Amino acid sequence: MTVIIRIALAILFVDNAMVGAWNAISPASFYRYFPTVDLTPPFSEHYARDFGAASLAIALLLGIAAVKPKAHYVIPAAAAYSTFGVPHFFYHFANMENATLGEALLLTVGNGAVALAGLLIILLTVLRDRRAARRAPAPAPVAG
């Protein structure tokens, strides 16, 4: 199960690192060329750079958790991502007036998959650690 957790964390890490770096370094280029971003104008360099930096911060947490998949790293990292990912999915789901069918499918499937990935990582980590706790030998009784 740890392999699945690591893969999901790595996917979210790469996604956030790429989107974050692009937004932080070249926000106008991101707005112009990233699919569907131009559906929700207007462009704001300030907000784009802030979003990029915040995405890089979340990527840092996801990267640490992928390298050290202990619950005390994984759950906060996935929760931080989900705090962004779930509302982001619902925003785009509710605001597709100018989207083509292809763009609407891309937004719904893509944003839905990564929003669910953050939540799935939390669930799998809790299940993994509960299973490990059940399998652990009982502590030896203390002599009194």
Protein backbone atom coordinates (compact mmCIF):
# COMPACT_ATOMS: atom_id res chain seq x y z
CA MET A 1 0.00 0.00 0.00
CA THR A 2 2.95 2.32 0.65
CA VAL A 3 3.94 2.06 -3.03
CA ILE A 4 0.48 3.30 -4.10
CA ILE A 5 0.67 6.15 -1.57
CA ARG A 6 4.13 7.13 -2.84
CA ILE A 7 3.03 7.04 -6.49
CA ALA A 8 -0.03 9.21 -5.77
CA LEU A 9 2.10 11.66 -3.75
CA ALA A 10 4.66 11.79 -6.57
CA ILE A 11 1.96 12.54 -9.15
CA LEU A 12 0.57 15.38 -7.04
CA PHE A 13 4.12 16.62 -6.35
CA VAL A 14 5.03 16.79 -10.04
CA ASP A 15 1.70 18.46 -10.90
CA ASN A 16 2.06 21.10 -8.19
CA ALA A 17 5.76 21.69 -8.80
CA MET A 18 5.28 22.20 -12.56
CA VAL A 19 2.17 24.36 -12.29
CA GLY A 20 3.61 26.28 -9.35
CA ALA A 21 6.97 26.97 -10.97
CA TRP A 22 5.40 28.00 -14.28
CA ASN A 23 2.99 30.36 -12.51
CA ALA A 24 5.62 31.83 -10.20
CA ILE A 25 8.23 32.32 -12.95
CA SER A 26 6.11 33.26 -15.97
CA PRO A 27 2.49 33.94 -15.02
CA ALA A 28 1.53 35.58 -18.33
CA SER A 29 2.82 32.56 -20.26
CA PHE A 30 0.90 30.21 -17.94
CA TYR A 31 -2.30 32.20 -18.48
CA ARG A 32 -1.80 32.25 -22.24
CA TYR A 33 -0.81 28.60 -22.81
CA PHE A 34 -2.11 26.37 -20.00
CA PRO A 35 -5.34 24.67 -21.13
CA THR A 36 -8.59 26.28 -19.93
CA VAL A 37 -7.00 28.95 -17.68
CA ASP A 38 -8.16 31.68 -20.04
CA LEU A 39 -11.78 30.61 -19.48
CA THR A 40 -11.84 32.60 -16.22
CA PRO A 41 -10.42 36.04 -16.97
CA PRO A 42 -9.08 38.52 -16.15
CA PHE A 43 -5.36 37.82 -15.81
CA SER A 44 -3.72 39.06 -12.61
CA GLU A 45 0.05 38.73 -12.32
CA HIS A 46 -0.18 39.16 -8.54
CA TYR A 47 -2.67 36.33 -8.05
CA ALA A 48 -0.88 34.10 -10.55
CA ARG A 49 2.48 34.49 -8.80
CA ASP A 50 0.87 33.98 -5.37
CA PHE A 51 -0.87 30.84 -6.64
CA GLY A 52 2.43 29.62 -8.06
CA ALA A 53 4.25 30.13 -4.78
CA ALA A 54 1.46 28.43 -2.80
CA SER A 55 1.53 25.49 -5.23
CA LEU A 56 5.29 25.20 -4.74
CA ALA A 57 4.79 25.18 -0.95
CA ILE A 58 2.27 22.34 -1.25
CA ALA A 59 4.65 20.54 -3.65
CA LEU A 60 7.37 20.74 -1.00
CA LEU A 61 5.10 19.02 1.54
CA LEU A 62 4.08 16.37 -1.00
CA GLY A 63 7.71 15.74 -1.92
CA ILE A 64 8.75 15.27 1.71
CA ALA A 65 5.84 12.87 2.23
CA ALA A 66 6.72 10.88 -0.91
CA VAL A 67 10.30 10.43 0.30
CA LYS A 68 9.27 9.68 3.91
CA PRO A 69 5.75 8.19 3.69
CA LYS A 70 5.10 8.23 7.44
CA ALA A 71 1.59 9.28 8.45
CA HIS A 72 2.82 12.41 10.23
CA TYR A 73 4.15 13.67 6.86
CA VAL A 74 1.64 12.12 4.47
CA ILE A 75 -1.63 13.15 6.11
CA PRO A 76 -0.78 16.88 6.52
CA ALA A 77 0.64 17.02 2.98
CA ALA A 78 -2.41 15.33 1.43
CA ALA A 79 -4.76 17.42 3.59
CA ALA A 80 -3.00 20.62 2.47
CA TYR A 81 -3.35 19.54 -1.15
CA SER A 82 -7.01 18.53 -0.67
CA THR A 83 -7.78 21.88 0.94
CA PHE A 84 -6.92 23.33 -2.45
CA GLY A 85 -7.90 20.46 -4.78
CA VAL A 86 -11.48 19.81 -3.68
CA PRO A 87 -12.72 23.45 -3.87
CA HIS A 88 -10.77 23.88 -7.12
CA PHE A 89 -12.67 20.95 -8.63
CA PHE A 90 -16.05 22.33 -7.54
CA TYR A 91 -15.24 25.83 -8.79
CA HIS A 92 -14.45 24.59 -12.27
CA PHE A 93 -17.37 22.14 -12.24
CA ALA A 94 -19.76 25.03 -11.55
CA ASN A 95 -18.13 27.49 -13.98
CA MET A 96 -17.93 26.00 -17.46
CA GLU A 97 -20.08 28.46 -19.39
CA ASN A 98 -17.36 29.23 -21.98
CA ALA A 99 -15.83 25.75 -22.12
CA THR A 100 -16.05 23.46 -25.11
CA LEU A 101 -17.13 19.88 -24.48
CA GLY A 102 -13.49 18.78 -24.58
CA GLU A 103 -12.44 21.47 -22.10
CA ALA A 104 -15.35 20.59 -19.80
CA LEU A 105 -14.31 16.92 -19.85
CA LEU A 106 -10.66 17.82 -19.24
CA LEU A 107 -11.56 20.05 -16.30
CA THR A 108 -13.99 17.59 -14.75
CA VAL A 109 -11.90 14.44 -15.15
CA GLY A 110 -8.50 16.02 -14.49
CA ASN A 111 -9.48 18.13 -11.51
CA GLY A 112 -11.71 15.38 -10.13
CA ALA A 113 -8.94 12.78 -10.33
CA VAL A 114 -6.38 14.86 -8.47
CA ALA A 115 -8.93 16.07 -5.91
CA LEU A 116 -9.82 12.44 -5.18
CA ALA A 117 -6.13 11.47 -5.11
CA GLY A 118 -5.48 13.74 -2.13
CA LEU A 119 -8.39 12.23 -0.20
CA LEU A 120 -7.44 8.70 -1.27
CA ILE A 121 -3.89 9.20 0.01
CA ILE A 122 -5.25 10.09 3.46
CA LEU A 123 -7.60 7.08 3.49
CA LEU A 124 -4.90 4.64 2.35
CA THR A 125 -2.45 5.97 4.94
CA VAL A 126 -4.94 5.56 7.77
CA LEU A 127 -5.85 2.04 6.60
CA ARG A 128 -2.19 1.07 6.20
CA ASP A 129 -1.30 2.26 9.70
CA ARG A 130 -4.35 0.63 11.31
CA ARG A 131 -3.47 -2.67 9.63
CA ALA A 132 0.14 -2.36 10.85
CA ALA A 133 -1.04 -1.60 14.41
CA ARG A 134 -3.27 -4.71 14.42
CA ARG A 135 -0.35 -6.89 13.26
CA ALA A 136 2.13 -5.49 15.77
CA PRO A 137 2.88 -7.77 18.73
CA ALA A 138 1.25 -6.80 22.00
CA PRO A 139 3.61 -5.07 24.42
CA ALA A 140 5.05 -7.27 27.14
CA PRO A 141 3.34 -6.89 30.52
CA VAL A 142 5.20 -4.75 33.01
CA ALA A 143 6.34 -6.69 36.06
CA GLY A 144 4.96 -5.18 39.23
